[in-house]
Amino acid sequence: MKSTSRRNFLKASAAAAAAASLGTRTLSAAPPLRQPIGLQLYSVREQLPKDFDGTLHQLGAIGYVEVEAAGYFGRTAQEFRHSMDQAGLRCVSTHHPMNQLKPHLDEDIEYAHTLGLSYIVCPSPMRKEPGASGPLNLEDWRWVAGELNKIGEKVKAAGMTFGYHNHGPEFGTENGTVFYDELLRLTDPKLVIFEMDCGWVFAAGRNPIDYLSKTPDRFPLLHVKDMAKGANGQYHSVVLGRGDEKYAPILRAATGLKHYFIEQEEFEIPAFEALRDDADYMRKLNV
């Protein structure tokens, strides 16, 4: 090889190596989600009654920073908050079904204040006529929207934010109207936000991105849950990254996101091993 050719070759090789190195550094240094890693405590519903404080400490040790409550396990608000503080966790939000919120809203608000919550979330509706049977119909869902507005007004007056969390039935239809779309239409954005459970949206045959792209500010909270279809054709909850959902594009669309909570409802491996894998998935996700 001629000396000039060799010099050109070495220059080109050095430039390529530098570019490759820069590309590698850029990829590995891609910023993680700005939100702390959160967990919906329903994921450890079996462990908490057996060892409440120990369970919380284990969650903190594997990287969780924020949590969302699903029941208080007989503890006072002061006791619950003390346990959170000792474990280095912050409880941001809580779940109460509508049939509990309506008669006990003042108590729930007082508890939430003491615990230092920012959000109270309703994860299940109720019928307009409690004695009726069968799934909720369109009239029921429209009534639910009105009740959410009423509850949201009281929660807002108390200095917190009220939201609604979906499962699958919200994506049923009647005369071409999707119930979830009706909830979005009839609730006041100033009074009711939505906590999208992406797993159940996906299992219902919908795309979370469609909703997040259209009105991102209505979805400051997300449940991050992966779903896989079983042999029976039904979706079930699995470790993040081992199911059918792709979270990078979902989270890119969630431009109004303030907090997310991983939720795993079922486990095929030990729960804390799975929850560690879930947290690792979120840490490594390139959004």
C-alpha atoms as a PDB file:
ATOM      1  CA  MET A   1       0.000   0.000   0.000  1.00  0.00           C
ATOM      2  CA  LYS A   2       1.343   3.449  -0.917  1.00  0.00           C
ATOM      3  CA  SER A   3       2.121   5.760   2.002  1.00  0.00           C
ATOM      4  CA  THR A   4      -0.449   8.341   0.909  1.00  0.00           C
ATOM      5  CA  SER A   5      -3.088   5.653   0.555  1.00  0.00           C
ATOM      6  CA  ARG A   6      -2.135   4.249   3.939  1.00  0.00           C
ATOM      7  CA  ARG A   7      -2.422   7.693   5.574  1.00  0.00           C
ATOM      8  CA  ASN A   8      -5.844   8.229   3.997  1.00  0.00           C
ATOM      9  CA  PHE A   9      -6.925   4.773   5.134  1.00  0.00           C
ATOM     10  CA  LEU A  10      -5.802   5.427   8.707  1.00  0.00           C
ATOM     11  CA  LYS A  11      -7.549   8.805   8.768  1.00  0.00           C
ATOM     12  CA  ALA A  12     -10.754   7.276   7.477  1.00  0.00           C
ATOM     13  CA  SER A  13     -10.503   4.419   9.974  1.00  0.00           C
ATOM     14  CA  ALA A  14      -9.925   6.816  12.875  1.00  0.00           C
ATOM     15  CA  ALA A  15     -12.877   8.947  11.820  1.00  0.00           C
ATOM     16  CA  ALA A  16     -15.107   5.891  11.548  1.00  0.00           C
ATOM     17  CA  ALA A  17     -13.962   4.647  14.951  1.00  0.00           C
ATOM     18  CA  ALA A  18     -14.641   8.051  16.514  1.00  0.00           C
ATOM     19  CA  ALA A  19     -18.084   8.201  14.962  1.00  0.00           C
ATOM     20  CA  ALA A  20     -18.873   4.688  16.139  1.00  0.00           C
ATOM     21  CA  SER A  21     -17.649   5.541  19.626  1.00  0.00           C
ATOM     22  CA  LEU A  22     -19.767   8.692  19.704  1.00  0.00           C
ATOM     23  CA  GLY A  23     -22.773   6.762  18.497  1.00  0.00           C
ATOM     24  CA  THR A  24     -22.272   4.151  21.210  1.00  0.00           C
ATOM     25  CA  ARG A  25     -21.912   6.814  23.903  1.00  0.00           C
ATOM     26  CA  THR A  26     -24.982   8.631  22.663  1.00  0.00           C
ATOM     27  CA  LEU A  27     -27.068   5.456  22.721  1.00  0.00           C
ATOM     28  CA  SER A  28     -25.859   4.298  26.121  1.00  0.00           C
ATOM     29  CA  ALA A  29     -26.325   7.783  27.565  1.00  0.00           C
ATOM     30  CA  ALA A  30     -29.874   8.164  26.255  1.00  0.00           C
ATOM     31  CA  PRO A  31     -31.756   9.863  29.081  1.00  0.00           C
ATOM     32  CA  PRO A  32     -34.141   7.642  31.043  1.00  0.00           C
ATOM     33  CA  LEU A  33     -37.681   8.700  31.778  1.00  0.00           C
ATOM     34  CA  ARG A  34     -37.576  11.814  33.923  1.00  0.00           C
ATOM     35  CA  GLN A  35     -40.233  10.362  36.236  1.00  0.00           C
ATOM     36  CA  PRO A  36     -39.129   8.213  39.193  1.00  0.00           C
ATOM     37  CA  ILE A  37     -39.859   4.492  38.984  1.00  0.00           C
ATOM     38  CA  GLY A  38     -43.261   3.879  40.558  1.00  0.00           C
ATOM     39  CA  LEU A  39     -45.243   0.808  41.591  1.00  0.00           C
ATOM     40  CA  GLN A  40     -48.918   0.168  42.161  1.00  0.00           C
ATOM     41  CA  LEU A  41     -48.977  -1.680  45.490  1.00  0.00           C
ATOM     42  CA  TYR A  42     -51.641  -4.083  44.242  1.00  0.00           C
ATOM     43  CA  SER A  43     -48.606  -5.876  42.800  1.00  0.00           C
ATOM     44  CA  VAL A  44     -47.581  -6.881  46.341  1.00  0.00           C
ATOM     45  CA  ARG A  45     -51.052  -7.367  47.797  1.00  0.00           C
ATOM     46  CA  GLU A  46     -50.108 -10.845  49.070  1.00  0.00           C
ATOM     47  CA  GLN A  47     -46.837  -9.755  50.688  1.00  0.00           C
ATOM     48  CA  LEU A  48     -47.990  -6.572  52.464  1.00  0.00           C
ATOM     49  CA  PRO A  49     -50.363  -8.217  54.976  1.00  0.00           C
ATOM     50  CA  LYS A  50     -47.594 -10.642  56.018  1.00  0.00           C
ATOM     51  CA  ASP A  51     -44.773  -8.112  56.380  1.00  0.00           C
ATOM     52  CA  PHE A  52     -45.848  -4.578  55.595  1.00  0.00           C
ATOM     53  CA  ASP A  53     -42.642  -2.738  56.480  1.00  0.00           C
ATOM     54  CA  GLY A  54     -40.337  -5.453  55.164  1.00  0.00           C
ATOM     55  CA  THR A  55     -42.149  -5.501  51.827  1.00  0.00           C
ATOM     56  CA  LEU A  56     -41.821  -1.737  51.444  1.00  0.00           C
ATOM     57  CA  HIS A  57     -38.120  -1.873  52.280  1.00  0.00           C
ATOM     58  CA  GLN A  58     -37.593  -4.554  49.630  1.00  0.00           C
ATOM     59  CA  LEU A  59     -39.315  -2.355  47.043  1.00  0.00           C
ATOM     60  CA  GLY A  60     -37.043   0.550  47.918  1.00  0.00           C
ATOM     61  CA  ALA A  61     -33.995  -1.706  47.734  1.00  0.00           C
ATOM     62  CA  ILE A  62     -34.755  -2.800  44.159  1.00  0.00           C
ATOM     63  CA  GLY A  63     -35.213   0.731  42.916  1.00  0.00           C
ATOM     64  CA  TYR A  64     -38.790   1.855  43.427  1.00  0.00           C
ATOM     65  CA  VAL A  65     -39.189   5.458  44.532  1.00  0.00           C
ATOM     66  CA  GLU A  66     -42.924   6.213  44.272  1.00  0.00           C
ATOM     67  CA  VAL A  67     -45.954   4.055  44.966  1.00  0.00           C
ATOM     68  CA  GLU A  68     -49.685   4.127  44.541  1.00  0.00           C
ATOM     69  CA  ALA A  69     -51.791   2.625  47.316  1.00  0.00           C
ATOM     70  CA  ALA A  70     -54.494   0.000  46.857  1.00  0.00           C
ATOM     71  CA  GLY A  71     -55.901  -0.250  50.363  1.00  0.00           C
ATOM     72  CA  TYR A  72     -54.332   0.769  53.666  1.00  0.00           C
ATOM     73  CA  PHE A  73     -54.150  -2.635  55.409  1.00  0.00           C
ATOM     74  CA  GLY A  74     -55.726  -1.426  58.653  1.00  0.00           C
ATOM     75  CA  ARG A  75     -53.137   1.275  59.246  1.00  0.00           C
ATOM     76  CA  THR A  76     -53.806   4.839  60.241  1.00  0.00           C
ATOM     77  CA  ALA A  77     -52.621   7.525  57.868  1.00  0.00           C
ATOM     78  CA  GLN A  78     -49.814   8.405  60.300  1.00  0.00           C
ATOM     79  CA  GLU A  79     -48.689   4.763  60.495  1.00  0.00           C
ATOM     80  CA  PHE A  80     -48.875   4.313  56.739  1.00  0.00           C
ATOM     81  CA  ARG A  81     -46.862   7.460  56.098  1.00  0.00           C
ATOM     82  CA  HIS A  82     -44.260   6.528  58.717  1.00  0.00           C
ATOM     83  CA  SER A  83     -43.733   3.159  57.043  1.00  0.00           C
ATOM     84  CA  MET A  84     -43.325   4.860  53.668  1.00  0.00           C
ATOM     85  CA  ASP A  85     -40.815   7.337  55.073  1.00  0.00           C
ATOM     86  CA  GLN A  86     -38.797   4.569  56.728  1.00  0.00           C
ATOM     87  CA  ALA A  87     -38.640   2.655  53.437  1.00  0.00           C
ATOM     88  CA  GLY A  88     -37.619   5.759  51.470  1.00  0.00           C
ATOM     89  CA  LEU A  89     -40.804   5.670  49.399  1.00  0.00           C
ATOM     90  CA  ARG A  90     -43.273   8.395  48.497  1.00  0.00           C
ATOM     91  CA  CYS A  91     -46.948   7.523  48.198  1.00  0.00           C
ATOM     92  CA  VAL A  92     -48.242   9.752  45.412  1.00  0.00           C
ATOM     93  CA  SER A  93     -51.682   8.368  44.718  1.00  0.00           C
ATOM     94  CA  THR A  94     -54.357   6.020  46.020  1.00  0.00           C
ATOM     95  CA  HIS A  95     -57.225   3.939  44.617  1.00  0.00           C
ATOM     96  CA  HIS A  96     -60.773   3.911  45.959  1.00  0.00           C
ATOM     97  CA  PRO A  97     -63.738   2.367  44.092  1.00  0.00           C
ATOM     98  CA  MET A  98     -66.694   4.646  43.479  1.00  0.00           C
ATOM     99  CA  ASN A  99     -68.993   2.764  45.858  1.00  0.00           C
ATOM    100  CA  GLN A 100     -66.527   3.614  48.647  1.00  0.00           C
ATOM    101  CA  LEU A 101     -65.779   7.173  47.575  1.00  0.00           C
ATOM    102  CA  LYS A 102     -69.386   8.303  47.463  1.00  0.00           C
ATOM    103  CA  PRO A 103     -70.221   7.525  51.121  1.00  0.00           C
ATOM    104  CA  HIS A 104     -66.713   8.049  52.583  1.00  0.00           C
ATOM    105  CA  LEU A 105     -65.211  10.854  50.519  1.00  0.00           C
ATOM    106  CA  ASP A 106     -64.538  13.212  53.434  1.00  0.00           C
ATOM    107  CA  GLU A 107     -62.700  10.466  55.344  1.00  0.00           C
ATOM    108  CA  ASP A 108     -60.725   9.463  52.265  1.00  0.00           C
ATOM    109  CA  ILE A 109     -59.699  13.076  51.639  1.00  0.00           C
ATOM    110  CA  GLU A 110     -58.576  13.518  55.256  1.00  0.00           C
ATOM    111  CA  TYR A 111     -56.518  10.308  55.108  1.00  0.00           C
ATOM    112  CA  ALA A 112     -54.992  11.377  51.788  1.00  0.00           C
ATOM    113  CA  HIS A 113     -54.012  14.764  53.248  1.00  0.00           C
ATOM    114  CA  THR A 114     -52.219  13.154  56.166  1.00  0.00           C
ATOM    115  CA  LEU A 115     -50.474  10.722  53.856  1.00  0.00           C
ATOM    116  CA  GLY A 116     -49.374  13.601  51.619  1.00  0.00           C
ATOM    117  CA  LEU A 117     -51.041  12.335  48.455  1.00  0.00           C
ATOM    118  CA  SER A 118     -51.353  14.313  45.247  1.00  0.00           C
ATOM    119  CA  TYR A 119     -54.006  12.131  43.605  1.00  0.00           C
ATOM    120  CA  ILE A 120     -57.103  10.171  44.534  1.00  0.00           C
ATOM    121  CA  VAL A 121     -58.113   7.764  41.776  1.00  0.00           C
ATOM    122  CA  CYS A 122     -61.295   5.783  41.185  1.00  0.00           C
ATOM    123  CA  PRO A 123     -60.485   2.364  39.644  1.00  0.00           C
ATOM    124  CA  SER A 124     -64.019   1.035  39.290  1.00  0.00           C
ATOM    125  CA  PRO A 125     -67.450   2.533  38.600  1.00  0.00           C
ATOM    126  CA  MET A 126     -70.871   1.659  39.976  1.00  0.00           C
ATOM    127  CA  ARG A 127     -74.327   1.397  38.480  1.00  0.00           C
ATOM    128  CA  LYS A 128     -76.832   4.194  38.430  1.00  0.00           C
ATOM    129  CA  GLU A 129     -79.322   1.690  39.874  1.00  0.00           C
ATOM    130  CA  PRO A 130     -77.374  -0.532  42.327  1.00  0.00           C
ATOM    131  CA  GLY A 131     -79.850  -3.398  42.098  1.00  0.00           C
ATOM    132  CA  ALA A 132     -79.477  -3.817  38.323  1.00  0.00           C
ATOM    133  CA  SER A 133     -77.565  -6.777  36.875  1.00  0.00           C
ATOM    134  CA  GLY A 134     -75.325  -7.263  33.865  1.00  0.00           C
ATOM    135  CA  PRO A 135     -72.634  -4.942  32.498  1.00  0.00           C
ATOM    136  CA  LEU A 136     -73.008  -1.173  32.707  1.00  0.00           C
ATOM    137  CA  ASN A 137     -74.834   0.343  29.765  1.00  0.00           C
ATOM    138  CA  LEU A 138     -74.332   3.708  28.112  1.00  0.00           C
ATOM    139  CA  GLU A 139     -76.771   5.431  30.475  1.00  0.00           C
ATOM    140  CA  ASP A 140     -74.810   4.052  33.447  1.00  0.00           C
ATOM    141  CA  TRP A 141     -71.506   5.301  32.056  1.00  0.00           C
ATOM    142  CA  ARG A 142     -72.937   8.756  31.424  1.00  0.00           C
ATOM    143  CA  TRP A 143     -74.177   8.829  35.014  1.00  0.00           C
ATOM    144  CA  VAL A 144     -70.702   7.715  36.168  1.00  0.00           C
ATOM    145  CA  ALA A 145     -69.171  10.676  34.312  1.00  0.00           C
ATOM    146  CA  GLY A 146     -71.430  13.046  36.222  1.00  0.00           C
ATOM    147  CA  GLU A 147     -70.496  11.450  39.545  1.00  0.00           C
ATOM    148  CA  LEU A 148     -66.798  11.696  38.700  1.00  0.00           C
ATOM    149  CA  ASN A 149     -67.231  15.429  38.136  1.00  0.00           C
ATOM    150  CA  LYS A 150     -68.908  15.812  41.545  1.00  0.00           C
ATOM    151  CA  ILE A 151     -66.191  13.865  43.342  1.00  0.00           C
ATOM    152  CA  GLY A 152     -63.503  15.691  41.392  1.00  0.00           C
ATOM    153  CA  GLU A 153     -64.869  19.045  42.485  1.00  0.00           C
ATOM    154  CA  LYS A 154     -64.547  18.110  46.169  1.00  0.00           C
ATOM    155  CA  VAL A 155     -61.089  16.610  45.733  1.00  0.00           C
ATOM    156  CA  LYS A 156     -59.898  19.707  43.884  1.00  0.00           C
ATOM    157  CA  ALA A 157     -61.278  21.962  46.625  1.00  0.00           C
ATOM    158  CA  ALA A 158     -59.205  19.908  49.068  1.00  0.00           C
ATOM    159  CA  GLY A 159     -56.043  20.675  47.093  1.00  0.00           C
ATOM    160  CA  MET A 160     -55.594  17.357  45.303  1.00  0.00           C
ATOM    161  CA  THR A 161     -56.350  15.936  41.866  1.00  0.00           C
ATOM    162  CA  PHE A 162     -59.002  13.328  41.133  1.00  0.00           C
ATOM    163  CA  GLY A 163     -58.730  10.740  38.401  1.00  0.00           C
ATOM    164  CA  TYR A 164     -60.309   7.685  36.845  1.00  0.00           C
ATOM    165  CA  HIS A 165     -58.480   4.420  36.107  1.00  0.00           C
ATOM    166  CA  ASN A 166     -59.701   2.061  33.404  1.00  0.00           C
ATOM    167  CA  HIS A 167     -59.899  -1.687  33.075  1.00  0.00           C
ATOM    168  CA  GLY A 168     -61.455  -3.420  30.078  1.00  0.00           C
ATOM    169  CA  PRO A 169     -65.227  -2.772  30.251  1.00  0.00           C
ATOM    170  CA  GLU A 170     -64.749   0.945  29.527  1.00  0.00           C
ATOM    171  CA  PHE A 171     -63.965   0.003  25.929  1.00  0.00           C
ATOM    172  CA  GLY A 172     -67.278  -1.678  25.331  1.00  0.00           C
ATOM    173  CA  THR A 173     -69.696   0.010  22.948  1.00  0.00           C
ATOM    174  CA  GLU A 174     -73.373   0.756  22.611  1.00  0.00           C
ATOM    175  CA  ASN A 175     -74.816   2.036  19.339  1.00  0.00           C
ATOM    176  CA  GLY A 176     -71.297   2.760  18.137  1.00  0.00           C
ATOM    177  CA  THR A 177     -70.329   4.830  21.200  1.00  0.00           C
ATOM    178  CA  VAL A 178     -67.253   3.702  23.132  1.00  0.00           C
ATOM    179  CA  PHE A 179     -67.917   4.095  26.849  1.00  0.00           C
ATOM    180  CA  TYR A 180     -64.389   5.379  27.539  1.00  0.00           C
ATOM    181  CA  ASP A 181     -64.780   8.039  24.867  1.00  0.00           C
ATOM    182  CA  GLU A 182     -67.961   9.145  26.574  1.00  0.00           C
ATOM    183  CA  LEU A 183     -66.198   9.400  29.935  1.00  0.00           C
ATOM    184  CA  LEU A 184     -63.556  11.606  28.332  1.00  0.00           C
ATOM    185  CA  ARG A 185     -66.194  13.751  26.655  1.00  0.00           C
ATOM    186  CA  LEU A 186     -68.446  14.239  29.665  1.00  0.00           C
ATOM    187  CA  THR A 187     -65.901  14.746  32.439  1.00  0.00           C
ATOM    188  CA  ASP A 188     -64.531  18.207  33.097  1.00  0.00           C
ATOM    189  CA  PRO A 189     -60.765  18.300  32.420  1.00  0.00           C
ATOM    190  CA  LYS A 190     -60.424  20.763  35.298  1.00  0.00           C
ATOM    191  CA  LEU A 191     -61.948  18.226  37.700  1.00  0.00           C
ATOM    192  CA  VAL A 192     -61.088  14.748  36.385  1.00  0.00           C
ATOM    193  CA  ILE A 193     -57.843  13.414  34.960  1.00  0.00           C
ATOM    194  CA  PHE A 194     -57.352   9.890  33.632  1.00  0.00           C
ATOM    195  CA  GLU A 195     -54.888   7.255  34.744  1.00  0.00           C
ATOM    196  CA  MET A 196     -54.542   5.046  31.694  1.00  0.00           C
ATOM    197  CA  ASP A 197     -53.865   1.391  32.395  1.00  0.00           C
ATOM    198  CA  CYS A 198     -52.043   0.702  29.144  1.00  0.00           C
ATOM    199  CA  GLY A 199     -52.209  -3.049  29.659  1.00  0.00           C
ATOM    200  CA  TRP A 200     -55.990  -3.166  29.822  1.00  0.00           C
ATOM    201  CA  VAL A 201     -56.338  -0.725  26.927  1.00  0.00           C
ATOM    202  CA  PHE A 202     -54.188  -3.090  24.851  1.00  0.00           C
ATOM    203  CA  ALA A 203     -56.078  -6.197  26.028  1.00  0.00           C
ATOM    204  CA  ALA A 204     -59.339  -4.512  25.016  1.00  0.00           C
ATOM    205  CA  GLY A 205     -58.040  -4.243  21.448  1.00  0.00           C
ATOM    206  CA  ARG A 206     -57.304  -0.515  21.571  1.00  0.00           C
ATOM    207  CA  ASN A 207     -54.072   1.412  21.091  1.00  0.00           C
ATOM    208  CA  PRO A 208     -52.975   3.605  24.023  1.00  0.00           C
ATOM    209  CA  ILE A 209     -51.138   5.882  21.588  1.00  0.00           C
ATOM    210  CA  ASP A 210     -54.404   6.894  19.922  1.00  0.00           C
ATOM    211  CA  TYR A 211     -55.676   8.393  23.174  1.00  0.00           C
ATOM    212  CA  LEU A 212     -52.369   9.769  24.408  1.00  0.00           C
ATOM    213  CA  SER A 213     -51.687  11.529  21.117  1.00  0.00           C
ATOM    214  CA  LYS A 214     -55.109  13.136  20.973  1.00  0.00           C
ATOM    215  CA  THR A 215     -55.347  14.569  24.499  1.00  0.00           C
ATOM    216  CA  PRO A 216     -52.009  13.980  26.305  1.00  0.00           C
ATOM    217  CA  ASP A 217     -52.752  16.463  29.089  1.00  0.00           C
ATOM    218  CA  ARG A 218     -55.668  14.334  30.268  1.00  0.00           C
ATOM    219  CA  PHE A 219     -53.280  11.484  31.095  1.00  0.00           C
ATOM    220  CA  PRO A 220     -50.752  12.636  33.720  1.00  0.00           C
ATOM    221  CA  LEU A 221     -50.768   9.140  35.249  1.00  0.00           C
ATOM    222  CA  LEU A 222     -50.135   5.766  33.611  1.00  0.00           C
ATOM    223  CA  HIS A 223     -50.154   2.157  34.692  1.00  0.00           C
ATOM    224  CA  VAL A 224     -47.322   0.414  32.887  1.00  0.00           C
ATOM    225  CA  LYS A 225     -48.271  -3.246  32.469  1.00  0.00           C
ATOM    226  CA  ASP A 226     -47.254  -5.795  29.858  1.00  0.00           C
ATOM    227  CA  MET A 227     -49.778  -8.333  28.607  1.00  0.00           C
ATOM    228  CA  ALA A 228     -49.385 -11.664  26.827  1.00  0.00           C
ATOM    229  CA  LYS A 229     -52.097 -13.852  25.350  1.00  0.00           C
ATOM    230  CA  GLY A 230     -52.400 -17.246  27.021  1.00  0.00           C
ATOM    231  CA  ALA A 231     -53.410 -20.612  25.569  1.00  0.00           C
ATOM    232  CA  ASN A 232     -57.026 -19.796  26.444  1.00  0.00           C
ATOM    233  CA  GLY A 233     -56.894 -16.694  24.228  1.00  0.00           C
ATOM    234  CA  GLN A 234     -57.119 -14.348  27.212  1.00  0.00           C
ATOM    235  CA  TYR A 235     -54.501 -11.747  28.050  1.00  0.00           C
ATOM    236  CA  HIS A 236     -52.611 -11.970  31.326  1.00  0.00           C
ATOM    237  CA  SER A 237     -50.048  -9.783  33.087  1.00  0.00           C
ATOM    238  CA  VAL A 238     -46.335 -10.588  32.574  1.00  0.00           C
ATOM    239  CA  VAL A 239     -42.931  -9.049  33.283  1.00  0.00           C
ATOM    240  CA  LEU A 240     -42.318  -5.899  31.255  1.00  0.00           C
ATOM    241  CA  GLY A 241     -40.686  -6.656  27.932  1.00  0.00           C
ATOM    242  CA  ARG A 242     -41.903 -10.265  27.857  1.00  0.00           C
ATOM    243  CA  GLY A 243     -45.352  -9.579  26.510  1.00  0.00           C
ATOM    244  CA  ASP A 244     -46.897  -8.016  23.420  1.00  0.00           C
ATOM    245  CA  GLU A 245     -46.777  -4.296  24.281  1.00  0.00           C
ATOM    246  CA  LYS A 246     -44.114  -1.884  23.088  1.00  0.00           C
ATOM    247  CA  TYR A 247     -43.663   0.827  25.674  1.00  0.00           C
ATOM    248  CA  ALA A 248     -41.127   3.126  24.026  1.00  0.00           C
ATOM    249  CA  PRO A 249     -43.658   4.553  21.516  1.00  0.00           C
ATOM    250  CA  ILE A 250     -46.391   4.642  24.155  1.00  0.00           C
ATOM    251  CA  LEU A 251     -44.233   6.702  26.511  1.00  0.00           C
ATOM    252  CA  ARG A 252     -43.103   8.991  23.711  1.00  0.00           C
ATOM    253  CA  ALA A 253     -46.767   9.781  23.083  1.00  0.00           C
ATOM    254  CA  ALA A 254     -47.415  10.419  26.802  1.00  0.00           C
ATOM    255  CA  THR A 255     -46.183  14.008  26.730  1.00  0.00           C
ATOM    256  CA  GLY A 256     -48.413  14.980  29.660  1.00  0.00           C
ATOM    257  CA  LEU A 257     -47.028  12.256  31.906  1.00  0.00           C
ATOM    258  CA  LYS A 258     -46.183  13.176  35.509  1.00  0.00           C
ATOM    259  CA  HIS A 259     -46.080   9.783  37.251  1.00  0.00           C
ATOM    260  CA  TYR A 260     -46.198   6.169  36.141  1.00  0.00           C
ATOM    261  CA  PHE A 261     -46.784   3.051  38.192  1.00  0.00           C
ATOM    262  CA  ILE A 262     -45.653  -0.393  37.140  1.00  0.00           C
ATOM    263  CA  GLU A 263     -48.332  -2.946  37.931  1.00  0.00           C
ATOM    264  CA  GLN A 264     -47.938  -6.688  37.624  1.00  0.00           C
ATOM    265  CA  GLU A 265     -51.049  -8.612  38.575  1.00  0.00           C
ATOM    266  CA  GLU A 266     -49.810 -12.190  38.064  1.00  0.00           C
ATOM    267  CA  PHE A 267     -46.441 -13.852  38.565  1.00  0.00           C
ATOM    268  CA  GLU A 268     -44.793 -16.868  36.971  1.00  0.00           C
ATOM    269  CA  ILE A 269     -41.556 -16.289  38.928  1.00  0.00           C
ATOM    270  CA  PRO A 270     -41.055 -15.010  42.504  1.00  0.00           C
ATOM    271  CA  ALA A 271     -42.728 -11.632  42.847  1.00  0.00           C
ATOM    272  CA  PHE A 272     -39.697  -9.588  43.888  1.00  0.00           C
ATOM    273  CA  GLU A 273     -37.600 -11.123  41.121  1.00  0.00           C
ATOM    274  CA  ALA A 274     -40.268 -10.107  38.615  1.00  0.00           C
ATOM    275  CA  LEU A 275     -40.601  -6.612  40.077  1.00  0.00           C
ATOM    276  CA  ARG A 276     -36.828  -6.168  39.933  1.00  0.00           C
ATOM    277  CA  ASP A 277     -36.942  -7.133  36.241  1.00  0.00           C
ATOM    278  CA  ASP A 278     -39.798  -4.665  35.708  1.00  0.00           C
ATOM    279  CA  ALA A 279     -37.777  -1.839  37.268  1.00  0.00           C
ATOM    280  CA  ASP A 280     -34.710  -2.783  35.213  1.00  0.00           C
ATOM    281  CA  TYR A 281     -36.796  -2.679  32.045  1.00  0.00           C
ATOM    282  CA  MET A 282     -37.895   0.883  32.784  1.00  0.00           C
ATOM    283  CA  ARG A 283     -34.360   1.975  33.663  1.00  0.00           C
ATOM    284  CA  LYS A 284     -33.043   0.689  30.326  1.00  0.00           C
ATOM    285  CA  LEU A 285     -35.941   1.842  28.163  1.00  0.00           C
ATOM    286  CA  ASN A 286     -34.819   4.227  25.431  1.00  0.00           C
ATOM    287  CA  VAL A 287     -37.638   6.750  25.144  1.00  0.00           C
END
